[in-house]
Amino acid sequence: MANIKSSKKSIRKIAKLTMRNKAEKSRIKTASKKLEALKESGDAEAIKAAAKVLMSVVDKAGKHGVWHENKVNRIKGRLTPLIFGAGLKKSEGAAKTAEGGSPVVDHAETTEAVEEKEVLEAEVKKSVAKTTVKEKTVAKKPAAKKASTKKAVATKAKKSSSKKAE
């Protein structure tokens, strides 16, 4: 056992963090197992709900530092097709091609995805426009400083002229 007070505290702190990390990892494993079981059953709505739950749990793990943000983003990227139904459509299309038919593509879903993408791109453009406006206002501030320096130069000139007059 440690004798130093800060060492004792760090031991207590590490024990708490370890327990939290184990609980987070357990939640992730449970949610992913439920999702895998639902994938086998084929219920689209239940799969979508389970994928959203898993995505939320994974986000929290990344926020708390249990998992690295890159790992979180990779897993979320793999879950996204399940939430938007693209992952389910691919498996159904693969089953059709295995039977000898042509793959079925739901054009209504693809147009919805395109519309969502366009909306997101428009939002990004708006946010970029806002940041450029802020940059323009920042550029005006040095001009105000120049005016104050002109006043300082003018007062120095007055002082030096008054000294010359003496």
C-alpha atoms as a PDB file:
ATOM      1  CA  MET A   1       0.000   0.000   0.000  1.00  0.00           C
ATOM      2  CA  ALA A   2       1.190   3.472  -0.812  1.00  0.00           C
ATOM      3  CA  ASN A   3       2.183   5.843   1.976  1.00  0.00           C
ATOM      4  CA  ILE A   4       1.887   9.123   0.090  1.00  0.00           C
ATOM      5  CA  LYS A   5      -1.495  10.816   0.188  1.00  0.00           C
ATOM      6  CA  SER A   6      -1.600  11.567  -3.574  1.00  0.00           C
ATOM      7  CA  SER A   7      -0.689   7.956  -4.372  1.00  0.00           C
ATOM      8  CA  LYS A   8      -3.535   6.684  -2.196  1.00  0.00           C
ATOM      9  CA  LYS A   9      -5.930   9.006  -3.986  1.00  0.00           C
ATOM     10  CA  SER A  10      -4.708   7.903  -7.423  1.00  0.00           C
ATOM     11  CA  ILE A  11      -5.267   4.258  -6.422  1.00  0.00           C
ATOM     12  CA  ARG A  12      -8.868   5.048  -5.444  1.00  0.00           C
ATOM     13  CA  LYS A  13      -9.353   7.041  -8.656  1.00  0.00           C
ATOM     14  CA  ILE A  14      -7.964   4.265 -10.859  1.00  0.00           C
ATOM     15  CA  ALA A  15     -10.285   1.738  -9.199  1.00  0.00           C
ATOM     16  CA  LYS A  16     -13.331   3.916  -9.959  1.00  0.00           C
ATOM     17  CA  LEU A  17     -12.286   4.484 -13.564  1.00  0.00           C
ATOM     18  CA  THR A  18     -11.613   0.779 -14.088  1.00  0.00           C
ATOM     19  CA  MET A  19     -15.094  -0.078 -12.843  1.00  0.00           C
ATOM     20  CA  ARG A  20     -16.639   2.522 -15.133  1.00  0.00           C
ATOM     21  CA  ASN A  21     -14.654   1.278 -18.127  1.00  0.00           C
ATOM     22  CA  LYS A  22     -15.708  -2.319 -17.483  1.00  0.00           C
ATOM     23  CA  ALA A  23     -19.350  -1.248 -17.213  1.00  0.00           C
ATOM     24  CA  GLU A  24     -19.132   0.720 -20.500  1.00  0.00           C
ATOM     25  CA  LYS A  25     -17.523  -2.214 -22.321  1.00  0.00           C
ATOM     26  CA  SER A  26     -20.144  -4.577 -20.928  1.00  0.00           C
ATOM     27  CA  ARG A  27     -22.944  -2.279 -22.174  1.00  0.00           C
ATOM     28  CA  ILE A  28     -21.369  -2.197 -25.635  1.00  0.00           C
ATOM     29  CA  LYS A  29     -21.038  -5.982 -25.772  1.00  0.00           C
ATOM     30  CA  THR A  30     -24.641  -6.475 -24.650  1.00  0.00           C
ATOM     31  CA  ALA A  31     -25.995  -4.013 -27.209  1.00  0.00           C
ATOM     32  CA  SER A  32     -23.940  -5.519 -30.031  1.00  0.00           C
ATOM     33  CA  LYS A  33     -25.066  -9.054 -29.139  1.00  0.00           C
ATOM     34  CA  LYS A  34     -28.709  -7.920 -29.206  1.00  0.00           C
ATOM     35  CA  LEU A  35     -28.136  -6.337 -32.618  1.00  0.00           C
ATOM     36  CA  GLU A  36     -26.519  -9.515 -33.999  1.00  0.00           C
ATOM     37  CA  ALA A  37     -29.443 -11.611 -32.722  1.00  0.00           C
ATOM     38  CA  LEU A  38     -31.913  -9.249 -34.397  1.00  0.00           C
ATOM     39  CA  LYS A  39     -29.962  -9.354 -37.666  1.00  0.00           C
ATOM     40  CA  GLU A  40     -30.580 -13.094 -37.809  1.00  0.00           C
ATOM     41  CA  SER A  41     -34.318 -12.620 -37.196  1.00  0.00           C
ATOM     42  CA  GLY A  42     -34.608 -10.018 -39.984  1.00  0.00           C
ATOM     43  CA  ASP A  43     -37.013  -7.546 -38.305  1.00  0.00           C
ATOM     44  CA  ALA A  44     -36.044  -4.224 -39.940  1.00  0.00           C
ATOM     45  CA  GLU A  45     -37.580  -1.870 -37.348  1.00  0.00           C
ATOM     46  CA  ALA A  46     -36.067  -3.763 -34.424  1.00  0.00           C
ATOM     47  CA  ILE A  47     -32.664  -3.775 -36.134  1.00  0.00           C
ATOM     48  CA  LYS A  48     -32.892  -0.025 -36.689  1.00  0.00           C
ATOM     49  CA  ALA A  49     -33.777   0.595 -33.025  1.00  0.00           C
ATOM     50  CA  ALA A  50     -31.008  -1.698 -31.760  1.00  0.00           C
ATOM     51  CA  ALA A  51     -28.460  -0.027 -34.052  1.00  0.00           C
ATOM     52  CA  LYS A  52     -29.431   3.399 -32.685  1.00  0.00           C
ATOM     53  CA  VAL A  53     -29.030   2.130 -29.119  1.00  0.00           C
ATOM     54  CA  LEU A  54     -25.626   0.650 -29.942  1.00  0.00           C
ATOM     55  CA  MET A  55     -24.547   3.881 -31.634  1.00  0.00           C
ATOM     56  CA  SER A  56     -25.519   5.850 -28.530  1.00  0.00           C
ATOM     57  CA  VAL A  57     -23.622   3.507 -26.221  1.00  0.00           C
ATOM     58  CA  VAL A  58     -20.545   3.625 -28.467  1.00  0.00           C
ATOM     59  CA  ASP A  59     -20.707   7.445 -28.544  1.00  0.00           C
ATOM     60  CA  LYS A  60     -20.705   7.548 -24.756  1.00  0.00           C
ATOM     61  CA  ALA A  61     -17.724   5.194 -24.638  1.00  0.00           C
ATOM     62  CA  GLY A  62     -15.820   7.546 -26.931  1.00  0.00           C
ATOM     63  CA  LYS A  63     -16.840  10.584 -24.914  1.00  0.00           C
ATOM     64  CA  HIS A  64     -15.648   9.000 -21.675  1.00  0.00           C
ATOM     65  CA  GLY A  65     -12.368   7.892 -23.218  1.00  0.00           C
ATOM     66  CA  VAL A  66     -13.038   4.152 -23.000  1.00  0.00           C
ATOM     67  CA  TRP A  67     -12.603   3.824 -26.773  1.00  0.00           C
ATOM     68  CA  HIS A  68     -10.593   6.001 -29.135  1.00  0.00           C
ATOM     69  CA  GLU A  69     -12.661   8.446 -31.225  1.00  0.00           C
ATOM     70  CA  ASN A  70     -11.425   6.878 -34.478  1.00  0.00           C
ATOM     71  CA  LYS A  71     -12.706   3.473 -33.380  1.00  0.00           C
ATOM     72  CA  VAL A  72     -16.029   5.029 -32.409  1.00  0.00           C
ATOM     73  CA  ASN A  73     -16.332   6.723 -35.798  1.00  0.00           C
ATOM     74  CA  ARG A  74     -15.458   3.500 -37.622  1.00  0.00           C
ATOM     75  CA  ILE A  75     -18.144   1.543 -35.763  1.00  0.00           C
ATOM     76  CA  LYS A  76     -20.715   4.294 -36.278  1.00  0.00           C
ATOM     77  CA  GLY A  77     -19.910   4.257 -39.984  1.00  0.00           C
ATOM     78  CA  ARG A  78     -20.641   0.548 -40.091  1.00  0.00           C
ATOM     79  CA  LEU A  79     -23.909   0.997 -38.188  1.00  0.00           C
ATOM     80  CA  THR A  80     -25.215   3.824 -40.384  1.00  0.00           C
ATOM     81  CA  PRO A  81     -26.369   1.555 -43.252  1.00  0.00           C
ATOM     82  CA  LEU A  82     -28.380  -0.496 -40.775  1.00  0.00           C
ATOM     83  CA  ILE A  83     -30.141   2.588 -39.461  1.00  0.00           C
ATOM     84  CA  PHE A  84     -31.006   3.935 -42.907  1.00  0.00           C
ATOM     85  CA  GLY A  85     -31.966   0.504 -44.246  1.00  0.00           C
ATOM     86  CA  ALA A  86     -29.215   0.222 -46.884  1.00  0.00           C
ATOM     87  CA  GLY A  87     -27.611  -2.741 -45.122  1.00  0.00           C
ATOM     88  CA  LEU A  88     -30.854  -4.678 -45.188  1.00  0.00           C
ATOM     89  CA  LYS A  89     -31.528  -3.942 -48.852  1.00  0.00           C
ATOM     90  CA  LYS A  90     -28.101  -5.249 -49.854  1.00  0.00           C
ATOM     91  CA  SER A  91     -28.672  -8.581 -48.145  1.00  0.00           C
ATOM     92  CA  GLU A  92     -32.089  -8.970 -49.794  1.00  0.00           C
ATOM     93  CA  GLY A  93     -30.564  -8.112 -53.188  1.00  0.00           C
ATOM     94  CA  ALA A  94     -27.811 -10.660 -52.637  1.00  0.00           C
ATOM     95  CA  ALA A  95     -30.442 -13.304 -51.903  1.00  0.00           C
ATOM     96  CA  LYS A  96     -32.218 -12.456 -55.169  1.00  0.00           C
ATOM     97  CA  THR A  97     -29.008 -12.760 -57.186  1.00  0.00           C
ATOM     98  CA  ALA A  98     -28.248 -16.096 -55.537  1.00  0.00           C
ATOM     99  CA  GLU A  99     -31.628 -17.352 -56.801  1.00  0.00           C
ATOM    100  CA  GLY A 100     -30.671 -16.298 -60.305  1.00  0.00           C
ATOM    101  CA  GLY A 101     -32.673 -13.039 -60.502  1.00  0.00           C
ATOM    102  CA  SER A 102     -31.403  -9.500 -60.863  1.00  0.00           C
ATOM    103  CA  PRO A 103     -30.728  -7.499 -57.694  1.00  0.00           C
ATOM    104  CA  VAL A 104     -33.600  -5.329 -56.539  1.00  0.00           C
ATOM    105  CA  VAL A 105     -32.870  -1.682 -55.791  1.00  0.00           C
ATOM    106  CA  ASP A 106     -35.443   0.449 -54.012  1.00  0.00           C
ATOM    107  CA  HIS A 107     -35.231   3.795 -55.822  1.00  0.00           C
ATOM    108  CA  ALA A 108     -37.430   5.555 -53.258  1.00  0.00           C
ATOM    109  CA  GLU A 109     -34.814   4.914 -50.569  1.00  0.00           C
ATOM    110  CA  THR A 110     -31.975   6.108 -52.785  1.00  0.00           C
ATOM    111  CA  THR A 111     -33.767   9.370 -53.640  1.00  0.00           C
ATOM    112  CA  GLU A 112     -34.413   9.985 -49.936  1.00  0.00           C
ATOM    113  CA  ALA A 113     -30.730   9.439 -49.213  1.00  0.00           C
ATOM    114  CA  VAL A 114     -29.779  11.864 -52.001  1.00  0.00           C
ATOM    115  CA  GLU A 115     -32.188  14.501 -50.662  1.00  0.00           C
ATOM    116  CA  GLU A 116     -30.778  14.107 -47.137  1.00  0.00           C
ATOM    117  CA  LYS A 117     -27.258  14.477 -48.505  1.00  0.00           C
ATOM    118  CA  GLU A 118     -28.234  17.673 -50.350  1.00  0.00           C
ATOM    119  CA  VAL A 119     -29.785  19.125 -47.185  1.00  0.00           C
ATOM    120  CA  LEU A 120     -26.630  18.342 -45.190  1.00  0.00           C
ATOM    121  CA  GLU A 121     -24.439  19.924 -47.870  1.00  0.00           C
ATOM    122  CA  ALA A 122     -26.600  23.074 -47.789  1.00  0.00           C
ATOM    123  CA  GLU A 123     -26.199  23.276 -43.990  1.00  0.00           C
ATOM    124  CA  VAL A 124     -22.434  22.914 -44.314  1.00  0.00           C
ATOM    125  CA  LYS A 125     -22.330  25.714 -46.883  1.00  0.00           C
ATOM    126  CA  LYS A 126     -24.314  27.969 -44.529  1.00  0.00           C
ATOM    127  CA  SER A 127     -21.942  27.298 -41.649  1.00  0.00           C
ATOM    128  CA  VAL A 128     -18.938  27.984 -43.888  1.00  0.00           C
ATOM    129  CA  ALA A 129     -20.523  31.268 -44.993  1.00  0.00           C
ATOM    130  CA  LYS A 130     -21.017  32.278 -41.348  1.00  0.00           C
ATOM    131  CA  THR A 131     -17.364  31.636 -40.544  1.00  0.00           C
ATOM    132  CA  THR A 132     -16.217  33.752 -43.503  1.00  0.00           C
ATOM    133  CA  VAL A 133     -18.402  36.638 -42.300  1.00  0.00           C
ATOM    134  CA  LYS A 134     -16.791  36.406 -38.871  1.00  0.00           C
ATOM    135  CA  GLU A 135     -13.329  36.496 -40.442  1.00  0.00           C
ATOM    136  CA  LYS A 136     -14.187  39.705 -42.311  1.00  0.00           C
ATOM    137  CA  THR A 137     -15.228  41.461 -39.106  1.00  0.00           C
ATOM    138  CA  VAL A 138     -11.978  40.422 -37.426  1.00  0.00           C
ATOM    139  CA  ALA A 139      -9.996  41.984 -40.273  1.00  0.00           C
ATOM    140  CA  LYS A 140     -11.466  45.445 -39.496  1.00  0.00           C
ATOM    141  CA  LYS A 141     -10.078  45.611 -35.941  1.00  0.00           C
ATOM    142  CA  PRO A 142      -6.446  46.464 -36.812  1.00  0.00           C
ATOM    143  CA  ALA A 143      -7.654  49.588 -38.654  1.00  0.00           C
ATOM    144  CA  ALA A 144      -9.022  50.915 -35.333  1.00  0.00           C
ATOM    145  CA  LYS A 145      -5.634  50.385 -33.721  1.00  0.00           C
ATOM    146  CA  LYS A 146      -3.982  52.400 -36.453  1.00  0.00           C
ATOM    147  CA  ALA A 147      -6.177  55.382 -35.629  1.00  0.00           C
ATOM    148  CA  SER A 148      -5.095  55.243 -32.001  1.00  0.00           C
ATOM    149  CA  THR A 149      -1.452  55.095 -33.043  1.00  0.00           C
ATOM    150  CA  LYS A 150      -1.991  58.200 -35.216  1.00  0.00           C
ATOM    151  CA  LYS A 151      -3.224  60.054 -32.129  1.00  0.00           C
ATOM    152  CA  ALA A 152      -0.150  58.967 -30.213  1.00  0.00           C
ATOM    153  CA  VAL A 153       2.100  60.184 -33.006  1.00  0.00           C
ATOM    154  CA  ALA A 154       0.247  63.500 -33.074  1.00  0.00           C
ATOM    155  CA  THR A 155       0.666  64.013 -29.313  1.00  0.00           C
ATOM    156  CA  LYS A 156       4.355  63.195 -29.590  1.00  0.00           C
ATOM    157  CA  ALA A 157       4.679  65.723 -32.377  1.00  0.00           C
ATOM    158  CA  LYS A 158       2.989  68.390 -30.222  1.00  0.00           C
ATOM    159  CA  LYS A 159       5.313  67.664 -27.330  1.00  0.00           C
ATOM    160  CA  SER A 160       8.380  67.810 -29.509  1.00  0.00           C
ATOM    161  CA  SER A 161       7.203  71.098 -31.103  1.00  0.00           C
ATOM    162  CA  SER A 162       6.604  72.603 -27.678  1.00  0.00           C
ATOM    163  CA  LYS A 163      10.116  71.583 -26.599  1.00  0.00           C
ATOM    164  CA  LYS A 164      11.583  73.200 -29.706  1.00  0.00           C
ATOM    165  CA  ALA A 165       9.693  76.425 -28.977  1.00  0.00           C
ATOM    166  CA  GLU A 166      11.294  76.619 -25.536  1.00  0.00           C
END
